[in-house]
Structures are given as structure tokens and as C-alpha cells.
């Protein structure tokens, strides 16, 4: 785990979103890679955004992972969480093996937090 920048100013809802994104990415590493795979989590905090980068050292997949139907879990769920903060999520294999999940949450003067906590 590598965290850069102060995070005291980040709203609790955004902190929880980062926690859940990292949790899901690491769960996917455990589920889809062999024993001994290493994972790295990097979080960059600024006044405007939080960037999350989770990579693993798993083997290069012989074929792309099948796309899951949007169910609120896995990669589709991570995309939804990122979108609630005006962000996008990229997840996919790395050229030399392993897998990466990358997102950036925008902390635009509290508007994103209101969207994330507003009733549907």
C-alpha cells in the first residue's frame, strides 16, 4: 500500500468508495490469480481528486476475462462507484502480465458526495 497526499479533507463517503474499490480489486486478484500473486495499491490524494491504482503480478491471461453482466458487483460495480464521483474506471490485463484497475474520483466541492449519497 502506497498513499501519497493528505486525505483528511476527503469526505467520508469518498473514503468509503476508495475502500470498496480497493476491496473489490483485491478480491478479484484473490479469485482470479494463482497463489503467490502480489498486489500493489497506490492512492494519490489531492484537493481535487483521489486516484486509485491496483495492480497484480498474476500471469498473463491466455484470453480476456469474460465480461460480467452488470450486477452491482465486480468490475461493473466498481464502474458505478467511480461514476458517482464523476470518474471513470479502467480494468484490464497489463502487456507483460498481471491485471490493473485504475480510477480517479473527482472531489468537486461536495457535489459528487451528494450524488453518491442521494436516494435513487
PDB file of N, CA and C in Angstrom:
ATOM      1  N   UNK A   1       0.854  -1.178   0.000  1.00  0.00           N
ATOM      2  CA  UNK A   1       0.000   0.000   0.000  1.00  0.00           C
ATOM      3  C   UNK A   1       0.890   1.227   0.000  1.00  0.00           C
ATOM      4  N   UNK A   2       0.604   2.137  -0.914  1.00  0.00           N
ATOM      5  CA  UNK A   2       1.372   3.363  -1.052  1.00  0.00           C
ATOM      6  C   UNK A   2       0.382   4.516  -1.172  1.00  0.00           C
ATOM      7  N   UNK A   3       0.336   5.383  -0.164  1.00  0.00           N
ATOM      8  CA  UNK A   3      -0.603   6.515  -0.155  1.00  0.00           C
ATOM      9  C   UNK A   3       0.201   7.800  -0.211  1.00  0.00           C
ATOM     10  N   UNK A   4      -0.151   8.671  -1.165  1.00  0.00           N
ATOM     11  CA  UNK A   4       0.505   9.971  -1.311  1.00  0.00           C
ATOM     12  C   UNK A   4      -0.533  11.065  -1.135  1.00  0.00           C
ATOM     13  N   UNK A   5      -0.152  12.104  -0.444  1.00  0.00           N
ATOM     14  CA  UNK A   5      -1.026  13.246  -0.242  1.00  0.00           C
ATOM     15  C   UNK A   5      -1.891  13.071   0.993  1.00  0.00           C
ATOM     16  N   UNK A   6      -2.340  14.185   1.515  1.00  0.00           N
ATOM     17  CA  UNK A   6      -3.198  14.156   2.692  1.00  0.00           C
ATOM     18  C   UNK A   6      -4.611  13.744   2.332  1.00  0.00           C
ATOM     19  N   UNK A   7      -5.248  13.047   3.252  1.00  0.00           N
ATOM     20  CA  UNK A   7      -6.607  12.591   2.986  1.00  0.00           C
ATOM     21  C   UNK A   7      -7.616  13.083   4.013  1.00  0.00           C
ATOM     22  N   UNK A   8      -7.209  13.922   4.946  1.00  0.00           N
ATOM     23  CA  UNK A   8      -8.119  14.403   5.983  1.00  0.00           C
ATOM     24  C   UNK A   8      -9.280  15.213   5.396  1.00  0.00           C
ATOM     25  N   UNK A   9      -9.070  15.875   4.274  1.00  0.00           N
ATOM     26  CA  UNK A   9     -10.102  16.719   3.663  1.00  0.00           C
ATOM     27  C   UNK A   9     -11.098  15.926   2.814  1.00  0.00           C
ATOM     28  N   UNK A  10     -10.820  14.667   2.568  1.00  0.00           N
ATOM     29  CA  UNK A  10     -11.667  13.869   1.682  1.00  0.00           C
ATOM     30  C   UNK A  10     -12.913  13.433   2.438  1.00  0.00           C
ATOM     31  N   UNK A  11     -14.098  13.677   1.881  1.00  0.00           N
ATOM     32  CA  UNK A  11     -15.346  13.313   2.566  1.00  0.00           C
ATOM     33  C   UNK A  11     -15.389  11.817   2.895  1.00  0.00           C
ATOM     34  N   UNK A  12     -16.059  11.499   3.981  1.00  0.00           N
ATOM     35  CA  UNK A  12     -16.162  10.108   4.422  1.00  0.00           C
ATOM     36  C   UNK A  12     -16.763   9.213   3.337  1.00  0.00           C
ATOM     37  N   UNK A  13     -17.717   9.730   2.575  1.00  0.00           N
ATOM     38  CA  UNK A  13     -18.325   8.919   1.521  1.00  0.00           C
ATOM     39  C   UNK A  13     -17.317   8.572   0.431  1.00  0.00           C
ATOM     40  N   UNK A  14     -16.441   9.525   0.101  1.00  0.00           N
ATOM     41  CA  UNK A  14     -15.402   9.255  -0.896  1.00  0.00           C
ATOM     42  C   UNK A  14     -14.366   8.283  -0.339  1.00  0.00           C
ATOM     43  N   UNK A  15     -14.029   8.416   0.948  1.00  0.00           N
ATOM     44  CA  UNK A  15     -13.099   7.479   1.569  1.00  0.00           C
ATOM     45  C   UNK A  15     -13.668   6.063   1.544  1.00  0.00           C
ATOM     46  N   UNK A  16     -14.960   5.934   1.830  1.00  0.00           N
ATOM     47  CA  UNK A  16     -15.596   4.621   1.789  1.00  0.00           C
ATOM     48  C   UNK A  16     -15.591   4.068   0.360  1.00  0.00           C
ATOM     49  N   UNK A  17     -15.816   4.928  -0.621  1.00  0.00           N
ATOM     50  CA  UNK A  17     -15.787   4.495  -2.018  1.00  0.00           C
ATOM     51  C   UNK A  17     -14.401   3.971  -2.385  1.00  0.00           C
ATOM     52  N   UNK A  18     -13.356   4.672  -1.978  1.00  0.00           N
ATOM     53  CA  UNK A  18     -11.990   4.206  -2.245  1.00  0.00           C
ATOM     54  C   UNK A  18     -11.776   2.852  -1.575  1.00  0.00           C
ATOM     55  N   UNK A  19     -12.202   2.723  -0.332  1.00  0.00           N
ATOM     56  CA  UNK A  19     -12.057   1.451   0.385  1.00  0.00           C
ATOM     57  C   UNK A  19     -12.735   0.316  -0.376  1.00  0.00           C
ATOM     58  N   UNK A  20     -13.974   0.539  -0.815  1.00  0.00           N
ATOM     59  CA  UNK A  20     -14.716  -0.502  -1.525  1.00  0.00           C
ATOM     60  C   UNK A  20     -14.091  -0.835  -2.879  1.00  0.00           C
ATOM     61  N   UNK A  21     -13.572   0.163  -3.582  1.00  0.00           N
ATOM     62  CA  UNK A  21     -12.909  -0.085  -4.865  1.00  0.00           C
ATOM     63  C   UNK A  21     -11.668  -0.954  -4.668  1.00  0.00           C
ATOM     64  N   UNK A  22     -10.867  -0.611  -3.671  1.00  0.00           N
ATOM     65  CA  UNK A  22      -9.662  -1.392  -3.391  1.00  0.00           C
ATOM     66  C   UNK A  22     -10.045  -2.798  -2.941  1.00  0.00           C
ATOM     67  N   UNK A  23     -11.052  -2.897  -2.090  1.00  0.00           N
ATOM     68  CA  UNK A  23     -11.513  -4.196  -1.602  1.00  0.00           C
ATOM     69  C   UNK A  23     -11.928  -5.102  -2.760  1.00  0.00           C
ATOM     70  N   UNK A  24     -12.698  -4.580  -3.688  1.00  0.00           N
ATOM     71  CA  UNK A  24     -13.165  -5.382  -4.825  1.00  0.00           C
ATOM     72  C   UNK A  24     -12.009  -5.765  -5.746  1.00  0.00           C
ATOM     73  N   UNK A  25     -11.098  -4.832  -6.008  1.00  0.00           N
ATOM     74  CA  UNK A  25      -9.959  -5.140  -6.868  1.00  0.00           C
ATOM     75  C   UNK A  25      -9.092  -6.244  -6.250  1.00  0.00           C
ATOM     76  N   UNK A  26      -8.863  -6.178  -4.947  1.00  0.00           N
ATOM     77  CA  UNK A  26      -8.058  -7.209  -4.286  1.00  0.00           C
ATOM     78  C   UNK A  26      -8.804  -8.541  -4.218  1.00  0.00           C
ATOM     79  N   UNK A  27     -10.119  -8.484  -4.043  1.00  0.00           N
ATOM     80  CA  UNK A  27     -10.918  -9.713  -4.073  1.00  0.00           C
ATOM     81  C   UNK A  27     -10.796 -10.377  -5.433  1.00  0.00           C
ATOM     82  N   UNK A  28     -10.850  -9.585  -6.503  1.00  0.00           N
ATOM     83  CA  UNK A  28     -10.692 -10.142  -7.850  1.00  0.00           C
ATOM     84  C   UNK A  28      -9.309 -10.765  -8.032  1.00  0.00           C
ATOM     85  N   UNK A  29      -8.286 -10.151  -7.462  1.00  0.00           N
ATOM     86  CA  UNK A  29      -6.949 -10.738  -7.532  1.00  0.00           C
ATOM     87  C   UNK A  29      -6.942 -12.102  -6.857  1.00  0.00           C
ATOM     88  N   UNK A  30      -7.534 -12.187  -5.675  1.00  0.00           N
ATOM     89  CA  UNK A  30      -7.584 -13.468  -4.958  1.00  0.00           C
ATOM     90  C   UNK A  30      -8.364 -14.523  -5.732  1.00  0.00           C
ATOM     91  N   UNK A  31      -9.442 -14.109  -6.379  1.00  0.00           N
ATOM     92  CA  UNK A  31     -10.306 -15.061  -7.082  1.00  0.00           C
ATOM     93  C   UNK A  31      -9.737 -15.525  -8.419  1.00  0.00           C
ATOM     94  N   UNK A  32      -8.971 -14.683  -9.087  1.00  0.00           N
ATOM     95  CA  UNK A  32      -8.605 -14.959 -10.476  1.00  0.00           C
ATOM     96  C   UNK A  32      -7.117 -15.191 -10.733  1.00  0.00           C
ATOM     97  N   UNK A  33      -6.309 -15.244  -9.676  1.00  0.00           N
ATOM     98  CA  UNK A  33      -4.876 -15.464  -9.886  1.00  0.00           C
ATOM     99  C   UNK A  33      -4.388 -16.606  -9.001  1.00  0.00           C
ATOM    100  N   UNK A  34      -3.259 -17.204  -9.354  1.00  0.00           N
ATOM    101  CA  UNK A  34      -2.737 -18.307  -8.550  1.00  0.00           C
ATOM    102  C   UNK A  34      -2.124 -17.810  -7.236  1.00  0.00           C
ATOM    103  N   UNK A  35      -1.933 -18.748  -6.315  1.00  0.00           N
ATOM    104  CA  UNK A  35      -1.285 -18.436  -5.038  1.00  0.00           C
ATOM    105  C   UNK A  35       0.082 -17.817  -5.313  1.00  0.00           C
ATOM    106  N   UNK A  36       0.471 -16.884  -4.468  1.00  0.00           N
ATOM    107  CA  UNK A  36       1.767 -16.226  -4.625  1.00  0.00           C
ATOM    108  C   UNK A  36       1.722 -14.953  -5.433  1.00  0.00           C
ATOM    109  N   UNK A  37       0.578 -14.638  -6.016  1.00  0.00           N
ATOM    110  CA  UNK A  37       0.448 -13.395  -6.774  1.00  0.00           C
ATOM    111  C   UNK A  37       0.537 -12.217  -5.810  1.00  0.00           C
ATOM    112  N   UNK A  38       1.256 -11.196  -6.199  1.00  0.00           N
ATOM    113  CA  UNK A  38       1.405 -10.000  -5.368  1.00  0.00           C
ATOM    114  C   UNK A  38       0.537  -8.879  -5.936  1.00  0.00           C
ATOM    115  N   UNK A  39       0.027  -8.057  -5.054  1.00  0.00           N
ATOM    116  CA  UNK A  39      -0.780  -6.911  -5.476  1.00  0.00           C
ATOM    117  C   UNK A  39      -0.189  -5.639  -4.878  1.00  0.00           C
ATOM    118  N   UNK A  40      -0.326  -4.556  -5.621  1.00  0.00           N
ATOM    119  CA  UNK A  40       0.125  -3.246  -5.172  1.00  0.00           C
ATOM    120  C   UNK A  40      -1.048  -2.288  -5.257  1.00  0.00           C
ATOM    121  N   UNK A  41      -1.233  -1.501  -4.193  1.00  0.00           N
ATOM    122  CA  UNK A  41      -2.285  -0.490  -4.156  1.00  0.00           C
ATOM    123  C   UNK A  41      -1.610   0.864  -4.012  1.00  0.00           C
ATOM    124  N   UNK A  42      -1.917   1.773  -4.948  1.00  0.00           N
ATOM    125  CA  UNK A  42      -1.394   3.140  -4.889  1.00  0.00           C
ATOM    126  C   UNK A  42      -2.572   4.102  -4.866  1.00  0.00           C
ATOM    127  N   UNK A  43      -2.549   5.002  -3.916  1.00  0.00           N
ATOM    128  CA  UNK A  43      -3.604   6.003  -3.793  1.00  0.00           C
ATOM    129  C   UNK A  43      -2.944   7.370  -3.755  1.00  0.00           C
ATOM    130  N   UNK A  44      -3.397   8.251  -4.647  1.00  0.00           N
ATOM    131  CA  UNK A  44      -2.886   9.617  -4.713  1.00  0.00           C
ATOM    132  C   UNK A  44      -4.022  10.568  -4.367  1.00  0.00           C
ATOM    133  N   UNK A  45      -3.843  11.344  -3.314  1.00  0.00           N
ATOM    134  CA  UNK A  45      -4.870  12.284  -2.877  1.00  0.00           C
ATOM    135  C   UNK A  45      -4.443  13.711  -3.192  1.00  0.00           C
ATOM    136  N   UNK A  46      -5.373  14.484  -3.719  1.00  0.00           N
ATOM    137  CA  UNK A  46      -5.150  15.913  -3.914  1.00  0.00           C
ATOM    138  C   UNK A  46      -6.429  16.626  -3.486  1.00  0.00           C
ATOM    139  N   UNK A  47      -6.433  17.918  -3.556  1.00  0.00           N
ATOM    140  CA  UNK A  47      -7.642  18.646  -3.175  1.00  0.00           C
ATOM    141  C   UNK A  47      -8.766  18.432  -4.176  1.00  0.00           C
ATOM    142  N   UNK A  48      -8.435  18.097  -5.418  1.00  0.00           N
ATOM    143  CA  UNK A  48      -9.440  17.957  -6.469  1.00  0.00           C
ATOM    144  C   UNK A  48      -9.865  16.519  -6.748  1.00  0.00           C
ATOM    145  N   UNK A  49      -9.016  15.537  -6.412  1.00  0.00           N
ATOM    146  CA  UNK A  49      -9.318  14.169  -6.824  1.00  0.00           C
ATOM    147  C   UNK A  49      -8.567  13.151  -5.972  1.00  0.00           C
ATOM    148  N   UNK A  50      -9.035  11.925  -6.061  1.00  0.00           N
ATOM    149  CA  UNK A  50      -8.340  10.773  -5.492  1.00  0.00           C
ATOM    150  C   UNK A  50      -8.148   9.783  -6.629  1.00  0.00           C
ATOM    151  N   UNK A  51      -6.901   9.380  -6.861  1.00  0.00           N
ATOM    152  CA  UNK A  51      -6.581   8.407  -7.891  1.00  0.00           C
ATOM    153  C   UNK A  51      -6.235   7.089  -7.222  1.00  0.00           C
ATOM    154  N   UNK A  52      -6.833   6.013  -7.717  1.00  0.00           N
ATOM    155  CA  UNK A  52      -6.614   4.679  -7.163  1.00  0.00           C
ATOM    156  C   UNK A  52      -6.064   3.795  -8.275  1.00  0.00           C
ATOM    157  N   UNK A  53      -4.982   3.088  -7.982  1.00  0.00           N
ATOM    158  CA  UNK A  53      -4.335   2.205  -8.943  1.00  0.00           C
ATOM    159  C   UNK A  53      -4.001   0.905  -8.219  1.00  0.00           C
ATOM    160  N   UNK A  54      -4.651  -0.192  -8.616  1.00  0.00           N
ATOM    161  CA  UNK A  54      -4.398  -1.508  -8.029  1.00  0.00           C
ATOM    162  C   UNK A  54      -3.894  -2.410  -9.148  1.00  0.00           C
ATOM    163  N   UNK A  55      -2.709  -2.970  -8.967  1.00  0.00           N
ATOM    164  CA  UNK A  55      -2.147  -3.881  -9.961  1.00  0.00           C
ATOM    165  C   UNK A  55      -1.765  -5.185  -9.284  1.00  0.00           C
ATOM    166  N   UNK A  56      -1.782  -6.259 -10.059  1.00  0.00           N
ATOM    167  CA  UNK A  56      -1.296  -7.526  -9.530  1.00  0.00           C
ATOM    168  C   UNK A  56      -0.285  -8.128 -10.484  1.00  0.00           C
ATOM    169  N   UNK A  57       0.444  -9.110  -9.979  1.00  0.00           N
ATOM    170  CA  UNK A  57       1.511  -9.740 -10.755  1.00  0.00           C
ATOM    171  C   UNK A  57       1.084 -11.077 -11.345  1.00  0.00           C
ATOM    172  N   UNK A  58      -0.218 -11.290 -11.445  1.00  0.00           N
ATOM    173  CA  UNK A  58      -0.718 -12.551 -11.968  1.00  0.00           C
ATOM    174  C   UNK A  58      -0.220 -12.827 -13.370  1.00  0.00           C
ATOM    175  N   UNK A  59      -0.353 -14.072 -13.799  1.00  0.00           N
ATOM    176  CA  UNK A  59       0.127 -14.419 -15.140  1.00  0.00           C
ATOM    177  C   UNK A  59      -0.697 -13.722 -16.208  1.00  0.00           C
ATOM    178  N   UNK A  60      -0.086 -13.584 -17.344  1.00  0.00           N
ATOM    179  CA  UNK A  60      -0.799 -13.002 -18.487  1.00  0.00           C
ATOM    180  C   UNK A  60      -1.920 -13.961 -18.874  1.00  0.00           C
ATOM    181  N   UNK A  61      -3.156 -13.484 -18.878  1.00  0.00           N
ATOM    182  CA  UNK A  61      -4.253 -14.387 -19.213  1.00  0.00           C
ATOM    183  C   UNK A  61      -4.162 -14.876 -20.657  1.00  0.00           C
ATOM    184  N   UNK A  62      -4.494 -16.160 -20.902  1.00  0.00           N
ATOM    185  CA  UNK A  62      -4.447 -16.675 -22.268  1.00  0.00           C
ATOM    186  C   UNK A  62      -5.500 -16.040 -23.158  1.00  0.00           C
ATOM    187  N   UNK A  63      -6.532 -15.510 -22.548  1.00  0.00           N
ATOM    188  CA  UNK A  63      -7.606 -14.840 -23.284  1.00  0.00           C
ATOM    189  C   UNK A  63      -8.222 -13.823 -22.342  1.00  0.00           C
ATOM    190  N   UNK A  64      -8.918 -12.820 -22.861  1.00  0.00           N
ATOM    191  CA  UNK A  64      -9.509 -11.808 -21.985  1.00  0.00           C
ATOM    192  C   UNK A  64     -10.484 -12.439 -21.002  1.00  0.00           C
ATOM    193  N   UNK A  65     -10.549 -11.860 -19.817  1.00  0.00           N
ATOM    194  CA  UNK A  65     -11.530 -12.322 -18.847  1.00  0.00           C
ATOM    195  C   UNK A  65     -12.913 -12.050 -19.410  1.00  0.00           C
ATOM    196  N   UNK A  66     -13.851 -12.985 -19.210  1.00  0.00           N
ATOM    197  CA  UNK A  66     -15.192 -12.749 -19.739  1.00  0.00           C
ATOM    198  C   UNK A  66     -15.848 -11.554 -19.054  1.00  0.00           C
ATOM    199  N   UNK A  67     -16.588 -10.814 -19.835  1.00  0.00           N
ATOM    200  CA  UNK A  67     -17.303  -9.662 -19.280  1.00  0.00           C
ATOM    201  C   UNK A  67     -18.482 -10.152 -18.451  1.00  0.00           C
ATOM    202  N   UNK A  68     -18.623  -9.581 -17.286  1.00  0.00           N
ATOM    203  CA  UNK A  68     -19.736  -9.956 -16.410  1.00  0.00           C
ATOM    204  C   UNK A  68     -20.929  -9.065 -16.717  1.00  0.00           C
ATOM    205  N   UNK A  69     -22.090  -9.613 -16.519  1.00  0.00           N
ATOM    206  CA  UNK A  69     -23.305  -8.811 -16.677  1.00  0.00           C
ATOM    207  C   UNK A  69     -23.357  -7.802 -15.544  1.00  0.00           C
ATOM    208  N   UNK A  70     -23.770  -6.567 -15.812  1.00  0.00           N
ATOM    209  CA  UNK A  70     -23.855  -5.574 -14.741  1.00  0.00           C
ATOM    210  C   UNK A  70     -24.764  -6.071 -13.620  1.00  0.00           C
ATOM    211  N   UNK A  71     -24.186  -6.226 -12.447  1.00  0.00           N
ATOM    212  CA  UNK A  71     -24.955  -6.738 -11.319  1.00  0.00           C
ATOM    213  C   UNK A  71     -24.699  -5.954 -10.054  1.00  0.00           C
ATOM    214  N   UNK A  72     -23.894  -4.901 -10.127  1.00  0.00           N
ATOM    215  CA  UNK A  72     -23.563  -4.161  -8.929  1.00  0.00           C
ATOM    216  C   UNK A  72     -22.378  -4.757  -8.196  1.00  0.00           C
ATOM    217  N   UNK A  73     -21.758  -5.787  -8.778  1.00  0.00           N
ATOM    218  CA  UNK A  73     -20.599  -6.415  -8.163  1.00  0.00           C
ATOM    219  C   UNK A  73     -19.460  -6.424  -9.175  1.00  0.00           C
ATOM    220  N   UNK A  74     -18.272  -6.709  -8.706  1.00  0.00           N
ATOM    221  CA  UNK A  74     -17.138  -6.826  -9.608  1.00  0.00           C
ATOM    222  C   UNK A  74     -16.855  -5.533 -10.345  1.00  0.00           C
ATOM    223  N   UNK A  75     -16.344  -5.682 -11.546  1.00  0.00           N
ATOM    224  CA  UNK A  75     -15.946  -4.518 -12.337  1.00  0.00           C
ATOM    225  C   UNK A  75     -17.128  -3.594 -12.639  1.00  0.00           C
ATOM    226  N   UNK A  76     -18.309  -4.112 -12.996  1.00  0.00           N
ATOM    227  CA  UNK A  76     -19.433  -3.186 -13.218  1.00  0.00           C
ATOM    228  C   UNK A  76     -19.763  -2.354 -11.972  1.00  0.00           C
ATOM    229  N   UNK A  77     -19.689  -2.978 -10.810  1.00  0.00           N
ATOM    230  CA  UNK A  77     -19.948  -2.245  -9.569  1.00  0.00           C
ATOM    231  C   UNK A  77     -18.892  -1.181  -9.307  1.00  0.00           C
ATOM    232  N   UNK A  78     -17.634  -1.495  -9.625  1.00  0.00           N
ATOM    233  CA  UNK A  78     -16.570  -0.508  -9.460  1.00  0.00           C
ATOM    234  C   UNK A  78     -16.787   0.667 -10.414  1.00  0.00           C
ATOM    235  N   UNK A  79     -17.248   0.378 -11.632  1.00  0.00           N
ATOM    236  CA  UNK A  79     -17.529   1.464 -12.580  1.00  0.00           C
ATOM    237  C   UNK A  79     -18.633   2.383 -12.043  1.00  0.00           C
ATOM    238  N   UNK A  80     -19.660   1.786 -11.461  1.00  0.00           N
ATOM    239  CA  UNK A  80     -20.756   2.579 -10.889  1.00  0.00           C
ATOM    240  C   UNK A  80     -20.261   3.457  -9.741  1.00  0.00           C
ATOM    241  N   UNK A  81     -19.443   2.895  -8.879  1.00  0.00           N
ATOM    242  CA  UNK A  81     -18.913   3.671  -7.750  1.00  0.00           C
ATOM    243  C   UNK A  81     -18.052   4.834  -8.251  1.00  0.00           C
ATOM    244  N   UNK A  82     -17.234   4.582  -9.256  1.00  0.00           N
ATOM    245  CA  UNK A  82     -16.393   5.642  -9.819  1.00  0.00           C
ATOM    246  C   UNK A  82     -17.242   6.726 -10.474  1.00  0.00           C
ATOM    247  N   UNK A  83     -18.252   6.299 -11.211  1.00  0.00           N
ATOM    248  CA  UNK A  83     -19.124   7.255 -11.906  1.00  0.00           C
ATOM    249  C   UNK A  83     -19.854   8.169 -10.932  1.00  0.00           C
ATOM    250  N   UNK A  84     -20.151   7.674  -9.737  1.00  0.00           N
ATOM    251  CA  UNK A  84     -20.830   8.504  -8.736  1.00  0.00           C
ATOM    252  C   UNK A  84     -19.985   9.715  -8.355  1.00  0.00           C
ATOM    253  N   UNK A  85     -18.695   9.651  -8.581  1.00  0.00           N
ATOM    254  CA  UNK A  85     -17.784  10.763  -8.319  1.00  0.00           C
ATOM    255  C   UNK A  85     -17.242  11.375  -9.601  1.00  0.00           C
ATOM    256  N   UNK A  86     -17.967  11.220 -10.695  1.00  0.00           N
ATOM    257  CA  UNK A  86     -17.564  11.818 -11.951  1.00  0.00           C
ATOM    258  C   UNK A  86     -16.342  11.172 -12.561  1.00  0.00           C
ATOM    259  N   UNK A  87     -15.994   9.989 -12.084  1.00  0.00           N
ATOM    260  CA  UNK A  87     -14.805   9.311 -12.577  1.00  0.00           C
ATOM    261  C   UNK A  87     -15.128   8.204 -13.558  1.00  0.00           C
ATOM    262  N   UNK A  88     -14.088   7.666 -14.130  1.00  0.00           N
ATOM    263  CA  UNK A  88     -14.199   6.504 -14.991  1.00  0.00           C
ATOM    264  C   UNK A  88     -13.263   5.444 -14.440  1.00  0.00           C
ATOM    265  N   UNK A  89     -13.497   4.209 -14.809  1.00  0.00           N
ATOM    266  CA  UNK A  89     -12.675   3.113 -14.330  1.00  0.00           C
ATOM    267  C   UNK A  89     -12.152   2.338 -15.518  1.00  0.00           C
ATOM    268  N   UNK A  90     -10.877   1.995 -15.467  1.00  0.00           N
ATOM    269  CA  UNK A  90     -10.280   1.127 -16.468  1.00  0.00           C
ATOM    270  C   UNK A  90      -9.806  -0.123 -15.749  1.00  0.00           C
ATOM    271  N   UNK A  91     -10.141  -1.277 -16.282  1.00  0.00           N
ATOM    272  CA  UNK A  91      -9.676  -2.542 -15.729  1.00  0.00           C
ATOM    273  C   UNK A  91      -9.307  -3.448 -16.887  1.00  0.00           C
ATOM    274  N   UNK A  92      -8.136  -4.055 -16.789  1.00  0.00           N
ATOM    275  CA  UNK A  92      -7.733  -4.948 -17.862  1.00  0.00           C
ATOM    276  C   UNK A  92      -6.354  -5.511 -17.656  1.00  0.00           C
ATOM    277  N   UNK A  93      -5.972  -6.428 -18.551  1.00  0.00           N
ATOM    278  CA  UNK A  93      -4.652  -7.056 -18.441  1.00  0.00           C
ATOM    279  C   UNK A  93      -3.545  -6.069 -18.794  1.00  0.00           C
ATOM    280  N   UNK A  94      -2.397  -6.280 -18.183  1.00  0.00           N
ATOM    281  CA  UNK A  94      -1.216  -5.481 -18.478  1.00  0.00           C
ATOM    282  C   UNK A  94      -0.400  -6.187 -19.559  1.00  0.00           C
ATOM    283  N   UNK A  95       0.335  -5.456 -20.380  1.00  0.00           N
ATOM    284  CA  UNK A  95       1.064  -6.062 -21.501  1.00  0.00           C
ATOM    285  C   UNK A  95       2.038  -7.172 -21.090  1.00  0.00           C
ATOM    286  N   UNK A  96       2.670  -7.029 -19.943  1.00  0.00           N
ATOM    287  CA  UNK A  96       3.666  -8.014 -19.515  1.00  0.00           C
ATOM    288  C   UNK A  96       3.127  -8.991 -18.474  1.00  0.00           C
ATOM    289  N   UNK A  97       1.830  -9.078 -18.360  1.00  0.00           N
ATOM    290  CA  UNK A  97       1.214  -9.957 -17.376  1.00  0.00           C
ATOM    291  C   UNK A  97       0.658  -9.162 -16.215  1.00  0.00           C
ATOM    292  N   UNK A  98      -0.258  -9.769 -15.522  1.00  0.00           N
ATOM    293  CA  UNK A  98      -0.902  -9.078 -14.416  1.00  0.00           C
ATOM    294  C   UNK A  98      -2.151  -8.355 -14.868  1.00  0.00           C
ATOM    295  N   UNK A  99      -2.768  -7.701 -13.938  1.00  0.00           N
ATOM    296  CA  UNK A  99      -4.043  -7.025 -14.159  1.00  0.00           C
ATOM    297  C   UNK A  99      -3.994  -5.694 -13.444  1.00  0.00           C
ATOM    298  N   UNK A 100      -4.693  -4.705 -13.957  1.00  0.00           N
ATOM    299  CA  UNK A 100      -4.730  -3.386 -13.329  1.00  0.00           C
ATOM    300  C   UNK A 100      -6.154  -2.880 -13.260  1.00  0.00           C
ATOM    301  N   UNK A 101      -6.429  -2.141 -12.201  1.00  0.00           N
ATOM    302  CA  UNK A 101      -7.676  -1.401 -12.040  1.00  0.00           C
ATOM    303  C   UNK A 101      -7.261   0.021 -11.704  1.00  0.00           C
ATOM    304  N   UNK A 102      -7.753   0.979 -12.495  1.00  0.00           N
ATOM    305  CA  UNK A 102      -7.385   2.379 -12.296  1.00  0.00           C
ATOM    306  C   UNK A 102      -8.629   3.252 -12.341  1.00  0.00           C
ATOM    307  N   UNK A 103      -8.707   4.178 -11.402  1.00  0.00           N
ATOM    308  CA  UNK A 103      -9.811   5.127 -11.400  1.00  0.00           C
ATOM    309  C   UNK A 103      -9.370   6.436 -10.761  1.00  0.00           C
ATOM    310  N   UNK A 104     -10.145   7.455 -11.023  1.00  0.00           N
ATOM    311  CA  UNK A 104      -9.922   8.768 -10.419  1.00  0.00           C
ATOM    312  C   UNK A 104     -11.276   9.313 -10.009  1.00  0.00           C
ATOM    313  N   UNK A 105     -11.423   9.606  -8.717  1.00  0.00           N
ATOM    314  CA  UNK A 105     -12.660  10.174  -8.190  1.00  0.00           C
ATOM    315  C   UNK A 105     -12.484  11.680  -8.096  1.00  0.00           C
ATOM    316  N   UNK A 106     -13.436  12.419  -8.626  1.00  0.00           N
ATOM    317  CA  UNK A 106     -13.376  13.878  -8.597  1.00  0.00           C
ATOM    318  C   UNK A 106     -14.071  14.389  -7.345  1.00  0.00           C
ATOM    319  N   UNK A 107     -13.422  15.283  -6.633  1.00  0.00           N
ATOM    320  CA  UNK A 107     -13.959  15.847  -5.395  1.00  0.00           C
ATOM    321  C   UNK A 107     -14.411  17.274  -5.662  1.00  0.00           C
ATOM    322  N   UNK A 108     -15.416  17.417  -6.499  1.00  0.00           N
ATOM    323  CA  UNK A 108     -15.849  18.733  -6.955  1.00  0.00           C
ATOM    324  C   UNK A 108     -16.783  19.419  -5.969  1.00  0.00           C
ATOM    325  N   UNK A 109     -16.207  20.039  -4.968  1.00  0.00           N
ATOM    326  CA  UNK A 109     -16.905  20.869  -3.988  1.00  0.00           C
ATOM    327  C   UNK A 109     -18.133  20.209  -3.373  1.00  0.00           C
ATOM    328  N   UNK A 110     -18.038  18.927  -3.126  1.00  0.00           N
ATOM    329  CA  UNK A 110     -19.105  18.235  -2.422  1.00  0.00           C
ATOM    330  C   UNK A 110     -20.253  17.757  -3.290  1.00  0.00           C
ATOM    331  N   UNK A 111     -20.316  18.155  -4.549  1.00  0.00           N
ATOM    332  CA  UNK A 111     -21.418  17.731  -5.409  1.00  0.00           C
ATOM    333  C   UNK A 111     -21.396  16.233  -5.646  1.00  0.00           C
ATOM    334  N   UNK A 112     -20.212  15.660  -5.800  1.00  0.00           N
ATOM    335  CA  UNK A 112     -20.110  14.225  -6.033  1.00  0.00           C
ATOM    336  C   UNK A 112     -20.598  13.444  -4.818  1.00  0.00           C
ATOM    337  N   UNK A 113     -20.246  13.910  -3.628  1.00  0.00           N
ATOM    338  CA  UNK A 113     -20.689  13.223  -2.421  1.00  0.00           C
ATOM    339  C   UNK A 113     -22.216  13.262  -2.308  1.00  0.00           C
ATOM    340  N   UNK A 114     -22.807  14.367  -2.700  1.00  0.00           N
ATOM    341  CA  UNK A 114     -24.274  14.460  -2.657  1.00  0.00           C
ATOM    342  C   UNK A 114     -24.889  13.476  -3.637  1.00  0.00           C
ATOM    343  N   UNK A 115     -24.284  13.338  -4.829  1.00  0.00           N
ATOM    344  CA  UNK A 115     -24.779  12.362  -5.798  1.00  0.00           C
ATOM    345  C   UNK A 115     -24.628  10.948  -5.253  1.00  0.00           C
ATOM    346  N   UNK A 116     -23.509  10.671  -4.591  1.00  0.00           N
ATOM    347  CA  UNK A 116     -23.232   9.321  -4.113  1.00  0.00           C
ATOM    348  C   UNK A 116     -24.158   8.915  -2.988  1.00  0.00           C
ATOM    349  N   UNK A 117     -24.662   9.854  -2.224  1.00  0.00           N
ATOM    350  CA  UNK A 117     -25.495   9.512  -1.066  1.00  0.00           C
ATOM    351  C   UNK A 117     -26.977   9.810  -1.287  1.00  0.00           C
ATOM    352  N   UNK A 118     -27.314  10.423  -2.422  1.00  0.00           N
ATOM    353  CA  UNK A 118     -28.716  10.755  -2.694  1.00  0.00           C
ATOM    354  C   UNK A 118     -29.519   9.487  -2.931  1.00  0.00           C
ATOM    355  N   UNK A 119     -30.773   9.440  -2.424  1.00  0.00           N
ATOM    356  CA  UNK A 119     -31.606   8.255  -2.680  1.00  0.00           C
ATOM    357  C   UNK A 119     -31.899   8.115  -4.158  1.00  0.00           C
ATOM    358  N   UNK A 120     -31.952   6.871  -4.586  1.00  0.00           N
ATOM    359  CA  UNK A 120     -32.206   6.584  -6.014  1.00  0.00           C
ATOM    360  C   UNK A 120     -33.657   6.773  -6.376  1.00  0.00           C
TER     361      UNK A 120
END
